[in-house]
């Protein structure tokens, strides 16, 4: 996925933040993060990043399906 975005978008992701109000908490270990939650200096679309499911496993967050 990282190879499919522009160099400008890659750089923006290094300082991007996430709007916690747009996160859907499914369980304490699982969240849904829509692309709209990503706050960056450039705009990302669903086709750029897509929505992600993150799970807390072994003391770290991982993107899962």
PDB file of N, CA and C in Angstrom:
ATOM      1  N   UNK A   1       0.823  -1.182   0.000  1.00  0.00           N
ATOM      2  CA  UNK A   1       0.000   0.000   0.000  1.00  0.00           C
ATOM      3  C   UNK A   1       0.874   1.256   0.000  1.00  0.00           C
ATOM      4  N   UNK A   2       1.941   1.253   0.794  1.00  0.00           N
ATOM      5  CA  UNK A   2       2.800   2.429   0.903  1.00  0.00           C
ATOM      6  C   UNK A   2       3.426   2.781  -0.440  1.00  0.00           C
ATOM      7  N   UNK A   3       3.669   1.803  -1.297  1.00  0.00           N
ATOM      8  CA  UNK A   3       4.279   2.051  -2.602  1.00  0.00           C
ATOM      9  C   UNK A   3       3.318   2.711  -3.580  1.00  0.00           C
ATOM     10  N   UNK A   4       2.031   2.676  -3.286  1.00  0.00           N
ATOM     11  CA  UNK A   4       1.033   3.188  -4.219  1.00  0.00           C
ATOM     12  C   UNK A   4       0.676   4.654  -3.989  1.00  0.00           C
ATOM     13  N   UNK A   5       1.213   5.286  -2.964  1.00  0.00           N
ATOM     14  CA  UNK A   5       0.906   6.693  -2.731  1.00  0.00           C
ATOM     15  C   UNK A   5       2.081   7.565  -3.153  1.00  0.00           C
ATOM     16  N   UNK A   6       1.787   8.831  -3.359  1.00  0.00           N
ATOM     17  CA  UNK A   6       2.797   9.760  -3.871  1.00  0.00           C
ATOM     18  C   UNK A   6       3.855  10.075  -2.815  1.00  0.00           C
ATOM     19  N   UNK A   7       5.031  10.563  -3.252  1.00  0.00           N
ATOM     20  CA  UNK A   7       6.061  10.978  -2.296  1.00  0.00           C
ATOM     21  C   UNK A   7       5.552  12.059  -1.331  1.00  0.00           C
ATOM     22  N   UNK A   8       4.717  12.965  -1.821  1.00  0.00           N
ATOM     23  CA  UNK A   8       4.159  14.017  -0.962  1.00  0.00           C
ATOM     24  C   UNK A   8       3.277  13.403   0.128  1.00  0.00           C
ATOM     25  N   UNK A   9       2.477  12.411  -0.225  1.00  0.00           N
ATOM     26  CA  UNK A   9       1.621  11.745   0.754  1.00  0.00           C
ATOM     27  C   UNK A   9       2.449  10.949   1.765  1.00  0.00           C
ATOM     28  N   UNK A  10       3.497  10.303   1.314  1.00  0.00           N
ATOM     29  CA  UNK A  10       4.372   9.553   2.227  1.00  0.00           C
ATOM     30  C   UNK A  10       4.973  10.487   3.274  1.00  0.00           C
ATOM     31  N   UNK A  11       5.431  11.639   2.819  1.00  0.00           N
ATOM     32  CA  UNK A  11       6.015  12.605   3.742  1.00  0.00           C
ATOM     33  C   UNK A  11       4.964  13.113   4.733  1.00  0.00           C
ATOM     34  N   UNK A  12       3.755  13.351   4.256  1.00  0.00           N
ATOM     35  CA  UNK A  12       2.681  13.836   5.122  1.00  0.00           C
ATOM     36  C   UNK A  12       2.314  12.809   6.188  1.00  0.00           C
ATOM     37  N   UNK A  13       2.403  11.536   5.875  1.00  0.00           N
ATOM     38  CA  UNK A  13       2.073  10.495   6.850  1.00  0.00           C
ATOM     39  C   UNK A  13       3.049  10.472   8.035  1.00  0.00           C
ATOM     40  N   UNK A  14       4.250  10.967   7.827  1.00  0.00           N
ATOM     41  CA  UNK A  14       5.241  10.972   8.901  1.00  0.00           C
ATOM     42  C   UNK A  14       4.833  11.894  10.051  1.00  0.00           C
ATOM     43  N   UNK A  15       4.017  12.888   9.760  1.00  0.00           N
ATOM     44  CA  UNK A  15       3.577  13.826  10.796  1.00  0.00           C
ATOM     45  C   UNK A  15       2.057  13.807  10.977  1.00  0.00           C
ATOM     46  N   UNK A  16       1.383  12.887  10.334  1.00  0.00           N
ATOM     47  CA  UNK A  16      -0.078  12.801  10.422  1.00  0.00           C
ATOM     48  C   UNK A  16      -0.519  12.428  11.834  1.00  0.00           C
ATOM     49  N   UNK A  17      -1.703  12.847  12.172  1.00  0.00           N
ATOM     50  CA  UNK A  17      -2.323  12.472  13.439  1.00  0.00           C
ATOM     51  C   UNK A  17      -3.678  11.832  13.133  1.00  0.00           C
ATOM     52  N   UNK A  18      -4.317  11.336  14.171  1.00  0.00           N
ATOM     53  CA  UNK A  18      -5.623  10.704  14.027  1.00  0.00           C
ATOM     54  C   UNK A  18      -6.625  11.430  14.912  1.00  0.00           C
ATOM     55  N   UNK A  19      -7.784  11.749  14.358  1.00  0.00           N
ATOM     56  CA  UNK A  19      -8.859  12.385  15.107  1.00  0.00           C
ATOM     57  C   UNK A  19      -9.570  11.294  15.912  1.00  0.00           C
ATOM     58  N   UNK A  20      -9.394  11.276  17.233  1.00  0.00           N
ATOM     59  CA  UNK A  20      -9.975  10.196  18.038  1.00  0.00           C
ATOM     60  C   UNK A  20     -11.504  10.171  18.022  1.00  0.00           C
ATOM     61  N   UNK A  21     -12.140  11.279  17.694  1.00  0.00           N
ATOM     62  CA  UNK A  21     -13.603  11.310  17.641  1.00  0.00           C
ATOM     63  C   UNK A  21     -14.153  10.537  16.446  1.00  0.00           C
ATOM     64  N   UNK A  22     -13.313  10.272  15.477  1.00  0.00           N
ATOM     65  CA  UNK A  22     -13.755   9.537  14.287  1.00  0.00           C
ATOM     66  C   UNK A  22     -13.434   8.040  14.361  1.00  0.00           C
ATOM     67  N   UNK A  23     -12.828   7.624  15.439  1.00  0.00           N
ATOM     68  CA  UNK A  23     -12.475   6.215  15.642  1.00  0.00           C
ATOM     69  C   UNK A  23     -13.659   5.478  16.254  1.00  0.00           C
ATOM     70  N   UNK A  24     -13.923   4.282  15.759  1.00  0.00           N
ATOM     71  CA  UNK A  24     -14.976   3.435  16.335  1.00  0.00           C
ATOM     72  C   UNK A  24     -14.303   2.334  17.145  1.00  0.00           C
ATOM     73  N   UNK A  25     -14.528   2.346  18.456  1.00  0.00           N
ATOM     74  CA  UNK A  25     -13.952   1.332  19.332  1.00  0.00           C
ATOM     75  C   UNK A  25     -14.903   0.139  19.357  1.00  0.00           C
ATOM     76  N   UNK A  26     -14.419  -1.007  18.862  1.00  0.00           N
ATOM     77  CA  UNK A  26     -15.233  -2.230  18.843  1.00  0.00           C
ATOM     78  C   UNK A  26     -15.073  -3.005  20.145  1.00  0.00           C
ATOM     79  N   UNK A  27     -13.833  -3.150  20.581  1.00  0.00           N
ATOM     80  CA  UNK A  27     -13.501  -3.769  21.863  1.00  0.00           C
ATOM     81  C   UNK A  27     -12.293  -2.998  22.382  1.00  0.00           C
ATOM     82  N   UNK A  28     -11.868  -3.198  23.617  1.00  0.00           N
ATOM     83  CA  UNK A  28     -10.664  -2.504  24.085  1.00  0.00           C
ATOM     84  C   UNK A  28      -9.417  -2.823  23.243  1.00  0.00           C
ATOM     85  N   UNK A  29      -9.440  -3.936  22.530  1.00  0.00           N
ATOM     86  CA  UNK A  29      -8.285  -4.333  21.718  1.00  0.00           C
ATOM     87  C   UNK A  29      -8.486  -4.118  20.224  1.00  0.00           C
ATOM     88  N   UNK A  30      -9.670  -3.689  19.797  1.00  0.00           N
ATOM     89  CA  UNK A  30      -9.962  -3.562  18.366  1.00  0.00           C
ATOM     90  C   UNK A  30     -10.650  -2.230  18.082  1.00  0.00           C
ATOM     91  N   UNK A  31     -10.113  -1.494  17.094  1.00  0.00           N
ATOM     92  CA  UNK A  31     -10.725  -0.237  16.670  1.00  0.00           C
ATOM     93  C   UNK A  31     -10.852  -0.214  15.152  1.00  0.00           C
ATOM     94  N   UNK A  32     -11.806   0.570  14.681  1.00  0.00           N
ATOM     95  CA  UNK A  32     -11.964   0.831  13.255  1.00  0.00           C
ATOM     96  C   UNK A  32     -11.537   2.273  13.021  1.00  0.00           C
ATOM     97  N   UNK A  33     -10.610   2.473  12.086  1.00  0.00           N
ATOM     98  CA  UNK A  33     -10.123   3.815  11.791  1.00  0.00           C
ATOM     99  C   UNK A  33     -10.429   4.145  10.332  1.00  0.00           C
ATOM    100  N   UNK A  34     -11.449   4.968  10.084  1.00  0.00           N
ATOM    101  CA  UNK A  34     -11.739   5.359   8.708  1.00  0.00           C
ATOM    102  C   UNK A  34     -10.696   6.345   8.197  1.00  0.00           C
ATOM    103  N   UNK A  35     -10.545   6.416   6.907  1.00  0.00           N
ATOM    104  CA  UNK A  35      -9.562   7.327   6.319  1.00  0.00           C
ATOM    105  C   UNK A  35      -9.861   8.781   6.723  1.00  0.00           C
ATOM    106  N   UNK A  36     -11.116   9.094   6.998  1.00  0.00           N
ATOM    107  CA  UNK A  36     -11.490  10.451   7.406  1.00  0.00           C
ATOM    108  C   UNK A  36     -10.883  10.843   8.746  1.00  0.00           C
ATOM    109  N   UNK A  37     -10.431   9.870   9.525  1.00  0.00           N
ATOM    110  CA  UNK A  37      -9.829  10.159  10.828  1.00  0.00           C
ATOM    111  C   UNK A  37      -8.383  10.633  10.704  1.00  0.00           C
ATOM    112  N   UNK A  38      -7.752  10.405   9.572  1.00  0.00           N
ATOM    113  CA  UNK A  38      -6.354  10.781   9.370  1.00  0.00           C
ATOM    114  C   UNK A  38      -6.275  12.281   9.094  1.00  0.00           C
ATOM    115  N   UNK A  39      -5.517  12.981   9.907  1.00  0.00           N
ATOM    116  CA  UNK A  39      -5.293  14.423   9.752  1.00  0.00           C
ATOM    117  C   UNK A  39      -3.854  14.627   9.282  1.00  0.00           C
ATOM    118  N   UNK A  40      -3.719  15.120   8.058  1.00  0.00           N
ATOM    119  CA  UNK A  40      -2.395  15.308   7.469  1.00  0.00           C
ATOM    120  C   UNK A  40      -2.386  16.587   6.642  1.00  0.00           C
ATOM    121  N   UNK A  41      -1.205  16.980   6.207  1.00  0.00           N
ATOM    122  CA  UNK A  41      -1.062  18.203   5.417  1.00  0.00           C
ATOM    123  C   UNK A  41      -1.552  18.023   3.982  1.00  0.00           C
ATOM    124  N   UNK A  42      -1.836  16.800   3.574  1.00  0.00           N
ATOM    125  CA  UNK A  42      -2.436  16.511   2.271  1.00  0.00           C
ATOM    126  C   UNK A  42      -3.681  15.655   2.512  1.00  0.00           C
ATOM    127  N   UNK A  43      -4.545  15.628   1.524  1.00  0.00           N
ATOM    128  CA  UNK A  43      -5.783  14.861   1.640  1.00  0.00           C
ATOM    129  C   UNK A  43      -5.574  13.436   1.148  1.00  0.00           C
ATOM    130  N   UNK A  44      -6.142  12.486   1.879  1.00  0.00           N
ATOM    131  CA  UNK A  44      -6.120  11.091   1.477  1.00  0.00           C
ATOM    132  C   UNK A  44      -7.545  10.646   1.189  1.00  0.00           C
ATOM    133  N   UNK A  45      -7.697   9.843   0.145  1.00  0.00           N
ATOM    134  CA  UNK A  45      -9.013   9.308  -0.181  1.00  0.00           C
ATOM    135  C   UNK A  45      -9.097   7.852   0.265  1.00  0.00           C
ATOM    136  N   UNK A  46     -10.281   7.294   0.167  1.00  0.00           N
ATOM    137  CA  UNK A  46     -10.482   5.884   0.508  1.00  0.00           C
ATOM    138  C   UNK A  46      -9.594   5.001  -0.366  1.00  0.00           C
ATOM    139  N   UNK A  47      -9.397   5.383  -1.618  1.00  0.00           N
ATOM    140  CA  UNK A  47      -8.555   4.575  -2.505  1.00  0.00           C
ATOM    141  C   UNK A  47      -7.065   4.713  -2.184  1.00  0.00           C
ATOM    142  N   UNK A  48      -6.659   5.818  -1.520  1.00  0.00           N
ATOM    143  CA  UNK A  48      -5.256   5.995  -1.124  1.00  0.00           C
ATOM    144  C   UNK A  48      -4.902   5.129   0.083  1.00  0.00           C
ATOM    145  N   UNK A  49      -5.684   5.256   1.137  1.00  0.00           N
ATOM    146  CA  UNK A  49      -5.381   4.558   2.390  1.00  0.00           C
ATOM    147  C   UNK A  49      -6.419   3.516   2.759  1.00  0.00           C
ATOM    148  N   UNK A  50      -7.669   3.843   2.532  1.00  0.00           N
ATOM    149  CA  UNK A  50      -8.747   2.959   2.946  1.00  0.00           C
ATOM    150  C   UNK A  50      -8.956   3.008   4.448  1.00  0.00           C
ATOM    151  N   UNK A  51     -10.035   2.424   4.890  1.00  0.00           N
ATOM    152  CA  UNK A  51     -10.304   2.307   6.313  1.00  0.00           C
ATOM    153  C   UNK A  51      -9.540   1.108   6.837  1.00  0.00           C
ATOM    154  N   UNK A  52      -9.181   1.142   8.101  1.00  0.00           N
ATOM    155  CA  UNK A  52      -8.359   0.072   8.671  1.00  0.00           C
ATOM    156  C   UNK A  52      -8.940  -0.423   9.980  1.00  0.00           C
ATOM    157  N   UNK A  53      -8.744  -1.705  10.225  1.00  0.00           N
ATOM    158  CA  UNK A  53      -9.035  -2.296  11.525  1.00  0.00           C
ATOM    159  C   UNK A  53      -7.704  -2.486  12.223  1.00  0.00           C
ATOM    160  N   UNK A  54      -7.583  -1.961  13.421  1.00  0.00           N
ATOM    161  CA  UNK A  54      -6.358  -2.118  14.203  1.00  0.00           C
ATOM    162  C   UNK A  54      -6.654  -2.969  15.421  1.00  0.00           C
ATOM    163  N   UNK A  55      -5.720  -3.860  15.749  1.00  0.00           N
ATOM    164  CA  UNK A  55      -5.853  -4.693  16.940  1.00  0.00           C
ATOM    165  C   UNK A  55      -4.596  -4.576  17.787  1.00  0.00           C
ATOM    166  N   UNK A  56      -4.796  -4.547  19.084  1.00  0.00           N
ATOM    167  CA  UNK A  56      -3.694  -4.466  20.043  1.00  0.00           C
ATOM    168  C   UNK A  56      -3.266  -5.884  20.386  1.00  0.00           C
ATOM    169  N   UNK A  57      -2.098  -6.269  19.889  1.00  0.00           N
ATOM    170  CA  UNK A  57      -1.576  -7.623  20.076  1.00  0.00           C
ATOM    171  C   UNK A  57      -0.143  -7.557  20.573  1.00  0.00           C
ATOM    172  N   UNK A  58       0.152  -8.277  21.617  1.00  0.00           N
ATOM    173  CA  UNK A  58       1.511  -8.367  22.142  1.00  0.00           C
ATOM    174  C   UNK A  58       2.146  -6.995  22.357  1.00  0.00           C
ATOM    175  N   UNK A  59       1.403  -6.103  23.012  1.00  0.00           N
ATOM    176  CA  UNK A  59       1.884  -4.776  23.411  1.00  0.00           C
ATOM    177  C   UNK A  59       2.133  -3.809  22.252  1.00  0.00           C
ATOM    178  N   UNK A  60       1.455  -3.992  21.116  1.00  0.00           N
ATOM    179  CA  UNK A  60       1.602  -3.063  20.009  1.00  0.00           C
ATOM    180  C   UNK A  60       0.340  -3.113  19.141  1.00  0.00           C
ATOM    181  N   UNK A  61       0.101  -2.049  18.375  1.00  0.00           N
ATOM    182  CA  UNK A  61      -1.047  -1.989  17.473  1.00  0.00           C
ATOM    183  C   UNK A  61      -0.651  -2.497  16.098  1.00  0.00           C
ATOM    184  N   UNK A  62      -1.526  -3.304  15.493  1.00  0.00           N
ATOM    185  CA  UNK A  62      -1.304  -3.853  14.165  1.00  0.00           C
ATOM    186  C   UNK A  62      -2.547  -3.667  13.319  1.00  0.00           C
ATOM    187  N   UNK A  63      -2.351  -3.392  12.024  1.00  0.00           N
ATOM    188  CA  UNK A  63      -3.465  -3.332  11.097  1.00  0.00           C
ATOM    189  C   UNK A  63      -3.823  -4.767  10.741  1.00  0.00           C
ATOM    190  N   UNK A  64      -5.106  -5.110  10.908  1.00  0.00           N
ATOM    191  CA  UNK A  64      -5.577  -6.463  10.621  1.00  0.00           C
ATOM    192  C   UNK A  64      -6.796  -6.388   9.718  1.00  0.00           C
ATOM    193  N   UNK A  65      -7.187  -7.505   9.182  1.00  0.00           N
ATOM    194  CA  UNK A  65      -8.408  -7.586   8.356  1.00  0.00           C
ATOM    195  C   UNK A  65      -9.477  -8.341   9.092  1.00  0.00           C
TER     196      UNK A  65
END
